[in-house]
C-alpha atoms as a PDB file:
ATOM      1  CA  MET A   1      -3.829   3.775  -8.949  1.00  0.00           C
ATOM      2  CA  LEU A   2      -6.970   1.668  -8.477  1.00  0.00           C
ATOM      3  CA  GLN A   3      -5.576  -1.061 -10.720  1.00  0.00           C
ATOM      4  CA  ALA A   4      -2.376  -1.179  -8.666  1.00  0.00           C
ATOM      5  CA  LEU A   5      -4.402  -1.466  -5.458  1.00  0.00           C
ATOM      6  CA  LEU A   6      -6.473  -4.329  -6.861  1.00  0.00           C
ATOM      7  CA  GLU A   7      -3.334  -6.143  -7.975  1.00  0.00           C
ATOM      8  CA  PHE A   8      -1.822  -5.724  -4.506  1.00  0.00           C
ATOM      9  CA  LEU A   9      -4.992  -7.158  -2.911  1.00  0.00           C
ATOM     10  CA  ARG A  10      -4.846 -10.138  -5.283  1.00  0.00           C
ATOM     11  CA  THR A  11      -1.232 -10.704  -4.237  1.00  0.00           C
ATOM     12  CA  LEU A  12      -2.284 -10.864  -0.588  1.00  0.00           C
ATOM     13  CA  THR A  13      -4.672 -13.754  -1.301  1.00  0.00           C
ATOM     14  CA  ASN A  14      -2.503 -15.756  -3.703  1.00  0.00           C
ATOM     15  CA  PRO A  15       0.157 -17.955  -2.036  1.00  0.00           C
ATOM     16  CA  GLU A  16       2.530 -18.015  -5.016  1.00  0.00           C
ATOM     17  CA  LYS A  17       2.395 -14.233  -5.524  1.00  0.00           C
ATOM     18  CA  LEU A  18       2.699 -13.560  -1.798  1.00  0.00           C
ATOM     19  CA  ILE A  19       5.715 -15.869  -1.533  1.00  0.00           C
ATOM     20  CA  GLN A  20       7.329 -14.061  -4.467  1.00  0.00           C
ATOM     21  CA  LEU A  21       6.650 -10.685  -2.833  1.00  0.00           C
ATOM     22  CA  LEU A  22       8.032 -11.794   0.531  1.00  0.00           C
ATOM     23  CA  SER A  23      11.138 -13.323  -1.023  1.00  0.00           C
ATOM     24  CA  THR A  24      12.000 -10.295  -3.189  1.00  0.00           C
ATOM     25  CA  VAL A  25      10.696  -6.794  -2.525  1.00  0.00           C
ATOM     26  CA  LEU A  26       9.481  -7.354   1.048  1.00  0.00           C
ATOM     27  CA  GLY A  27      11.861  -9.951   2.387  1.00  0.00           C
ATOM     28  CA  GLY A  28      12.551 -10.457   6.091  1.00  0.00           C
ATOM     29  CA  PRO A  29      11.177  -7.939   8.625  1.00  0.00           C
ATOM     30  CA  LEU A  30       9.629  -5.789   5.880  1.00  0.00           C
ATOM     31  CA  GLY A  31       7.287  -8.620   4.922  1.00  0.00           C
ATOM     32  CA  TYR A  32       6.137  -9.093   8.508  1.00  0.00           C
ATOM     33  CA  ALA A  33       5.665  -5.327   8.829  1.00  0.00           C
ATOM     34  CA  MET A  34       3.578  -5.148   5.642  1.00  0.00           C
ATOM     35  CA  LEU A  35       1.260  -7.984   6.723  1.00  0.00           C
ATOM     36  CA  SER A  36       1.031  -6.462  10.180  1.00  0.00           C
ATOM     37  CA  PHE A  37      -0.034  -3.100   8.759  1.00  0.00           C
ATOM     38  CA  VAL A  38      -2.746  -4.651   6.570  1.00  0.00           C
ATOM     39  CA  VAL A  39      -4.302  -6.430   9.558  1.00  0.00           C
ATOM     40  CA  PHE A  40      -4.020  -3.275  11.674  1.00  0.00           C
ATOM     41  CA  ALA A  41      -5.521  -1.048   8.970  1.00  0.00           C
ATOM     42  CA  GLU A  42      -8.654  -3.142   8.548  1.00  0.00           C
ATOM     43  CA  THR A  43      -9.899  -2.138  12.019  1.00  0.00           C
ATOM     44  CA  GLY A  44      -7.598   0.726  13.012  1.00  0.00           C
ATOM     45  CA  LEU A  45      -8.492   2.842   9.979  1.00  0.00           C
ATOM     46  CA  LEU A  46     -12.164   3.352   9.176  1.00  0.00           C
ATOM     47  CA  MET A  47     -11.481   2.945   5.451  1.00  0.00           C
ATOM     48  CA  GLY A  48      -9.892  -0.500   5.808  1.00  0.00           C
ATOM     49  CA  PHE A  49     -13.113  -2.466   5.259  1.00  0.00           C
ATOM     50  CA  PHE A  50     -12.080  -3.412   1.697  1.00  0.00           C
ATOM     51  CA  LEU A  51      -8.942  -5.227   2.887  1.00  0.00           C
ATOM     52  CA  PRO A  52      -9.020  -9.058   2.644  1.00  0.00           C
ATOM     53  CA  GLY A  53      -8.846  -9.937   6.347  1.00  0.00           C
ATOM     54  CA  ASP A  54     -10.008 -13.578   6.521  1.00  0.00           C
ATOM     55  CA  SER A  55      -8.607 -14.656   3.162  1.00  0.00           C
ATOM     56  CA  LEU A  56      -5.301 -12.881   3.886  1.00  0.00           C
ATOM     57  CA  LEU A  57      -4.862 -14.723   7.184  1.00  0.00           C
ATOM     58  CA  PHE A  58      -5.683 -18.044   5.520  1.00  0.00           C
ATOM     59  CA  THR A  59      -3.140 -17.310   2.785  1.00  0.00           C
ATOM     60  CA  VAL A  60      -0.534 -16.318   5.372  1.00  0.00           C
ATOM     61  CA  GLY A  61      -1.052 -19.706   7.009  1.00  0.00           C
ATOM     62  CA  VAL A  62      -0.536 -21.447   3.660  1.00  0.00           C
ATOM     63  CA  VAL A  63       2.662 -19.466   3.048  1.00  0.00           C
ATOM     64  CA  ALA A  64       3.890 -20.314   6.551  1.00  0.00           C
ATOM     65  CA  GLY A  65       3.169 -23.971   5.867  1.00  0.00           C
ATOM     66  CA  ALA A  66       5.385 -23.689   2.769  1.00  0.00           C
ATOM     67  CA  GLY A  67       8.234 -22.534   5.032  1.00  0.00           C
ATOM     68  CA  GLU A  68       8.298 -18.888   3.891  1.00  0.00           C
ATOM     69  CA  LEU A  69       7.073 -17.476   7.219  1.00  0.00           C
ATOM     70  CA  ASN A  70       7.581 -18.506  10.833  1.00  0.00           C
ATOM     71  CA  ILE A  71       4.085 -19.580  11.936  1.00  0.00           C
ATOM     72  CA  PHE A  72       4.734 -18.771  15.607  1.00  0.00           C
ATOM     73  CA  LEU A  73       6.198 -15.333  14.922  1.00  0.00           C
ATOM     74  CA  ILE A  74       3.635 -14.310  12.310  1.00  0.00           C
ATOM     75  CA  ASN A  75       0.814 -15.289  14.661  1.00  0.00           C
ATOM     76  CA  LEU A  76       2.258 -13.147  17.446  1.00  0.00           C
ATOM     77  CA  VAL A  77       2.760 -10.198  15.108  1.00  0.00           C
ATOM     78  CA  LEU A  78      -0.694 -10.379  13.531  1.00  0.00           C
ATOM     79  CA  MET A  79      -2.471 -10.963  16.843  1.00  0.00           C
ATOM     80  CA  ALA A  80      -0.818  -7.841  18.223  1.00  0.00           C
ATOM     81  CA  SER A  81      -1.774  -5.880  15.095  1.00  0.00           C
ATOM     82  CA  ALA A  82      -5.396  -7.017  15.281  1.00  0.00           C
ATOM     83  CA  ILE A  83      -5.659  -6.070  18.955  1.00  0.00           C
ATOM     84  CA  ILE A  84      -3.958  -2.692  18.462  1.00  0.00           C
ATOM     85  CA  GLY A  85      -6.127  -1.995  15.402  1.00  0.00           C
ATOM     86  CA  ASP A  86      -9.325  -2.524  17.377  1.00  0.00           C
ATOM     87  CA  GLY A  87      -7.910  -0.371  20.182  1.00  0.00           C
ATOM     88  CA  VAL A  88      -7.288   2.504  17.777  1.00  0.00           C
ATOM     89  CA  GLY A  89     -10.775   2.111  16.292  1.00  0.00           C
ATOM     90  CA  TYR A  90     -12.257   2.268  19.803  1.00  0.00           C
ATOM     91  CA  TYR A  91     -10.254   5.390  20.621  1.00  0.00           C
ATOM     92  CA  LEU A  92     -11.408   7.097  17.409  1.00  0.00           C
ATOM     93  CA  GLY A  93     -14.999   6.285  18.326  1.00  0.00           C
ATOM     94  CA  ARG A  94     -14.689   7.849  21.770  1.00  0.00           C
ATOM     95  CA  ARG A  95     -13.002  10.987  20.446  1.00  0.00           C
ATOM     96  CA  THR A  96     -14.630  11.645  17.068  1.00  0.00           C
ATOM     97  CA  GLY A  97     -17.788   9.499  16.964  1.00  0.00           C
ATOM     98  CA  PRO A  98     -20.461  12.203  16.532  1.00  0.00           C
ATOM     99  CA  ALA A  99     -18.445  13.972  13.826  1.00  0.00           C
ATOM    100  CA  ILE A 100     -17.999  10.759  11.803  1.00  0.00           C
ATOM    101  CA  PHE A 101     -21.757  10.158  11.827  1.00  0.00           C
ATOM    102  CA  ASN A 102     -22.167  13.491  10.065  1.00  0.00           C
ATOM    103  CA  ARG A 103     -19.581  12.708   7.419  1.00  0.00           C
ATOM    104  CA  PRO A 104     -20.942  12.443   3.843  1.00  0.00           C
ATOM    105  CA  ASP A 105     -20.670   9.206   1.873  1.00  0.00           C
ATOM    106  CA  SER A 106     -17.669   8.668  -0.382  1.00  0.00           C
ATOM    107  CA  ARG A 107     -16.127   5.832  -2.386  1.00  0.00           C
ATOM    108  CA  PHE A 108     -14.427   4.427   0.714  1.00  0.00           C
ATOM    109  CA  PHE A 109     -16.959   5.406   3.376  1.00  0.00           C
ATOM    110  CA  LYS A 110     -20.707   4.969   3.652  1.00  0.00           C
ATOM    111  CA  GLN A 111     -23.028   5.798   6.546  1.00  0.00           C
ATOM    112  CA  GLU A 112     -24.791   2.489   5.844  1.00  0.00           C
ATOM    113  CA  TYR A 113     -21.778   0.610   7.219  1.00  0.00           C
ATOM    114  CA  LEU A 114     -21.990   2.445  10.537  1.00  0.00           C
ATOM    115  CA  HIS A 115     -25.726   1.909  10.904  1.00  0.00           C
ATOM    116  CA  ARG A 116     -25.413  -1.764   9.981  1.00  0.00           C
ATOM    117  CA  THR A 117     -22.759  -2.212  12.650  1.00  0.00           C
ATOM    118  CA  GLN A 118     -24.892  -0.350  15.195  1.00  0.00           C
ATOM    119  CA  GLU A 119     -27.724  -2.810  14.578  1.00  0.00           C
ATOM    120  CA  PHE A 120     -25.311  -5.733  14.936  1.00  0.00           C
ATOM    121  CA  TYR A 121     -24.034  -4.196  18.185  1.00  0.00           C
ATOM    122  CA  ARG A 122     -27.554  -3.683  19.585  1.00  0.00           C
ATOM    123  CA  LYS A 123     -28.315  -7.343  18.965  1.00  0.00           C
ATOM    124  CA  HIS A 124     -25.153  -8.924  20.382  1.00  0.00           C
ATOM    125  CA  GLY A 125     -23.905  -6.347  22.898  1.00  0.00           C
ATOM    126  CA  GLY A 126     -20.251  -6.416  23.951  1.00  0.00           C
ATOM    127  CA  LYS A 127     -19.750  -9.820  22.355  1.00  0.00           C
ATOM    128  CA  THR A 128     -20.023  -8.025  19.018  1.00  0.00           C
ATOM    129  CA  ILE A 129     -16.296  -7.248  19.370  1.00  0.00           C
ATOM    130  CA  ILE A 130     -15.619 -11.002  19.189  1.00  0.00           C
ATOM    131  CA  TYR A 131     -18.273 -11.953  16.634  1.00  0.00           C
ATOM    132  CA  ALA A 132     -17.338  -9.046  14.359  1.00  0.00           C
ATOM    133  CA  ARG A 133     -13.830 -10.411  13.887  1.00  0.00           C
ATOM    134  CA  PHE A 134     -15.318 -12.966  11.532  1.00  0.00           C
ATOM    135  CA  VAL A 135     -17.668 -10.587   9.669  1.00  0.00           C
ATOM    136  CA  PRO A 136     -16.272  -8.248   6.964  1.00  0.00           C
ATOM    137  CA  ILE A 137     -17.235  -4.546   7.191  1.00  0.00           C
ATOM    138  CA  VAL A 138     -18.735  -5.093  10.666  1.00  0.00           C
ATOM    139  CA  ARG A 139     -15.202  -6.027  11.762  1.00  0.00           C
ATOM    140  CA  THR A 140     -13.972  -2.591  10.700  1.00  0.00           C
ATOM    141  CA  PHE A 141     -16.609  -0.530  12.477  1.00  0.00           C
ATOM    142  CA  ALA A 142     -17.429  -2.598  15.605  1.00  0.00           C
ATOM    143  CA  PRO A 143     -14.645  -1.157  17.818  1.00  0.00           C
ATOM    144  CA  PHE A 144     -15.508   2.340  16.603  1.00  0.00           C
ATOM    145  CA  ILE A 145     -19.172   1.869  17.583  1.00  0.00           C
ATOM    146  CA  ALA A 146     -18.061   0.511  20.979  1.00  0.00           C
ATOM    147  CA  GLY A 147     -16.102   3.711  21.482  1.00  0.00           C
ATOM    148  CA  VAL A 148     -19.004   5.898  20.395  1.00  0.00           C
ATOM    149  CA  GLY A 149     -21.211   4.057  22.896  1.00  0.00           C
ATOM    150  CA  GLN A 150     -18.679   4.779  25.669  1.00  0.00           C
ATOM    151  CA  MET A 151     -18.179   1.086  26.441  1.00  0.00           C
ATOM    152  CA  GLU A 152     -15.969   0.659  29.501  1.00  0.00           C
ATOM    153  CA  TYR A 153     -12.422   0.193  28.212  1.00  0.00           C
ATOM    154  CA  LYS A 154     -11.582  -2.754  30.487  1.00  0.00           C
ATOM    155  CA  ARG A 155     -14.623  -4.620  29.214  1.00  0.00           C
ATOM    156  CA  PHE A 156     -13.803  -3.701  25.619  1.00  0.00           C
ATOM    157  CA  ALA A 157     -10.174  -4.766  26.053  1.00  0.00           C
ATOM    158  CA  SER A 158     -11.129  -8.246  27.288  1.00  0.00           C
ATOM    159  CA  PHE A 159     -13.366  -8.832  24.244  1.00  0.00           C
ATOM    160  CA  ASN A 160     -10.729  -7.302  21.973  1.00  0.00           C
ATOM    161  CA  ILE A 161      -7.870  -9.516  23.182  1.00  0.00           C
ATOM    162  CA  PHE A 162      -9.934 -12.699  23.122  1.00  0.00           C
ATOM    163  CA  GLY A 163     -11.384 -11.940  19.686  1.00  0.00           C
ATOM    164  CA  GLY A 164      -8.093 -10.831  18.134  1.00  0.00           C
ATOM    165  CA  ILE A 165      -6.223 -13.932  19.268  1.00  0.00           C
ATOM    166  CA  GLY A 166      -9.048 -16.295  18.276  1.00  0.00           C
ATOM    167  CA  TRP A 167      -9.525 -14.746  14.823  1.00  0.00           C
ATOM    168  CA  VAL A 168      -5.877 -14.701  13.793  1.00  0.00           C
ATOM    169  CA  PHE A 169      -5.074 -18.140  15.226  1.00  0.00           C
ATOM    170  CA  SER A 170      -8.090 -19.898  13.688  1.00  0.00           C
ATOM    171  CA  MET A 171      -7.550 -18.434  10.209  1.00  0.00           C
ATOM    172  CA  THR A 172      -3.782 -18.821   9.969  1.00  0.00           C
ATOM    173  CA  MET A 173      -3.797 -22.335  11.402  1.00  0.00           C
ATOM    174  CA  ALA A 174      -6.557 -23.376   8.999  1.00  0.00           C
ATOM    175  CA  GLY A 175      -4.325 -22.264   6.119  1.00  0.00           C
ATOM    176  CA  TYR A 176      -1.251 -23.819   7.730  1.00  0.00           C
ATOM    177  CA  MET A 177      -2.894 -27.238   8.102  1.00  0.00           C
ATOM    178  CA  LEU A 178      -4.984 -27.300   4.930  1.00  0.00           C
ATOM    179  CA  GLY A 179      -2.709 -25.469   2.500  1.00  0.00           C
ATOM    180  CA  GLY A 180      -0.666 -28.570   1.697  1.00  0.00           C
ATOM    181  CA  ILE A 181      -3.659 -30.656   0.648  1.00  0.00           C
ATOM    182  CA  PRO A 182      -3.518 -31.145  -3.160  1.00  0.00           C
ATOM    183  CA  ILE A 183      -7.202 -30.385  -3.788  1.00  0.00           C
ATOM    184  CA  ILE A 184      -6.868 -27.126  -1.820  1.00  0.00           C
ATOM    185  CA  GLN A 185      -3.790 -26.187  -3.852  1.00  0.00           C
ATOM    186  CA  ARG A 186      -5.533 -26.911  -7.164  1.00  0.00           C
ATOM    187  CA  HIS A 187      -8.627 -24.900  -6.282  1.00  0.00           C
ATOM    188  CA  PHE A 188      -7.164 -22.236  -4.014  1.00  0.00           C
ATOM    189  CA  GLU A 189      -9.059 -19.342  -5.613  1.00  0.00           C
ATOM    190  CA  LYS A 190     -12.348 -21.167  -5.058  1.00  0.00           C
ATOM    191  CA  VAL A 191     -11.378 -21.832  -1.446  1.00  0.00           C
ATOM    192  CA  VAL A 192     -10.697 -18.110  -0.920  1.00  0.00           C
ATOM    193  CA  ILE A 193     -14.051 -17.233  -2.501  1.00  0.00           C
ATOM    194  CA  GLY A 194     -15.662 -19.789  -0.178  1.00  0.00           C
ATOM    195  CA  ILE A 195     -14.041 -18.168   2.853  1.00  0.00           C
ATOM    196  CA  VAL A 196     -15.305 -14.762   1.782  1.00  0.00           C
ATOM    197  CA  PHE A 197     -18.796 -16.172   1.186  1.00  0.00           C
ATOM    198  CA  VAL A 198     -18.945 -17.805   4.610  1.00  0.00           C
ATOM    199  CA  SER A 199     -17.759 -14.530   6.145  1.00  0.00           C
ATOM    200  CA  VAL A 200     -20.552 -12.479   4.580  1.00  0.00           C
ATOM    201  CA  VAL A 201     -23.338 -14.965   5.387  1.00  0.00           C
ATOM    202  CA  PRO A 202     -24.114 -13.235   8.731  1.00  0.00           C
ATOM    203  CA  ILE A 203     -24.488  -9.907   6.911  1.00  0.00           C
ATOM    204  CA  LEU A 204     -26.847 -11.464   4.347  1.00  0.00           C
ATOM    205  CA  VAL A 205     -28.902 -13.080   7.114  1.00  0.00           C
ATOM    206  CA  GLU A 206     -29.256  -9.798   9.000  1.00  0.00           C
ATOM    207  CA  TYR A 207     -30.156  -7.988   5.765  1.00  0.00           C
ATOM    208  CA  LEU A 208     -32.860 -10.520   4.893  1.00  0.00           C
ATOM    209  CA  LYS A 209     -34.246 -10.370   8.418  1.00  0.00           C
ATOM    210  CA  GLY A 210     -34.414  -6.594   8.150  1.00  0.00           C
ATOM    211  CA  ARG A 211     -36.262  -6.803   4.825  1.00  0.00           C
ATOM    212  CA  THR A 212     -38.704  -9.344   6.286  1.00  0.00           C
ATOM    213  CA  LYS A 213     -39.487  -7.072   9.223  1.00  0.00           C
ATOM    214  CA  LYS A 214     -40.037  -4.068   6.975  1.00  0.00           C
ATOM    215  CA  GLU A 215     -42.351  -5.776   4.486  1.00  0.00           C
ATOM    216  CA  PRO A 216     -45.372  -6.294   6.801  1.00  0.00           C
ATOM    217  CA  GLY A 217     -45.215  -2.665   7.919  1.00  0.00           C
ATOM    218  CA  SER A 218     -44.979  -1.374   4.379  1.00  0.00           C
ATOM    219  CA  VAL A 219     -48.017  -3.422   3.307  1.00  0.00           C
ATOM    220  CA  SER A 220     -50.170  -2.330   6.206  1.00  0.00           C
ATOM    221  CA  GLY A 221     -49.250   1.289   5.634  1.00  0.00           C
ATOM    222  CA  ARG A 222     -50.831   1.361   2.183  1.00  0.00           C
END
């Protein structure tokens, strides 16, 4: 089961495999529906943090550039999915927030992710909904934390719409415009790894800042 999931995730970030999938098993509307669900699940379901959001959108742009997807239609579909996903995450936060904070850790859920997102939210406020679009893990839990904090829905919705459109458009169009460049094609896996690395840099920075703040206190406490 786990091996099949990993293989599916690899397919989502490999243009050749994704094209093969879209032209055979998931041709036509089914392909659009599958990609739409993946983008929705990353923020609409609290266990979607492991899904390849940024790299998937970049790959979708590459596939669209190869003529296998309609770039205008796929952007509309994925923008809608991203916005709806955040909306569902927000709703879950408003309705079940306290209960989730008491949930024990599991393979697909850790309290650390919630607390990390809370810290990110405290630092950036409502704009977290926009910034989080470009940060893995935080992207999954940011709308949920906004709901837990009872953020006014109109304010949340404005950040959600702006962030969802900006995230999807920037990633897919980057793939659409760069995917045909020979050096990108030859080293696509490295490019995907680079995208993931750039995405997690904010998390690493916040982690290192947190460690730096803790160290002086721990020394003085001895």
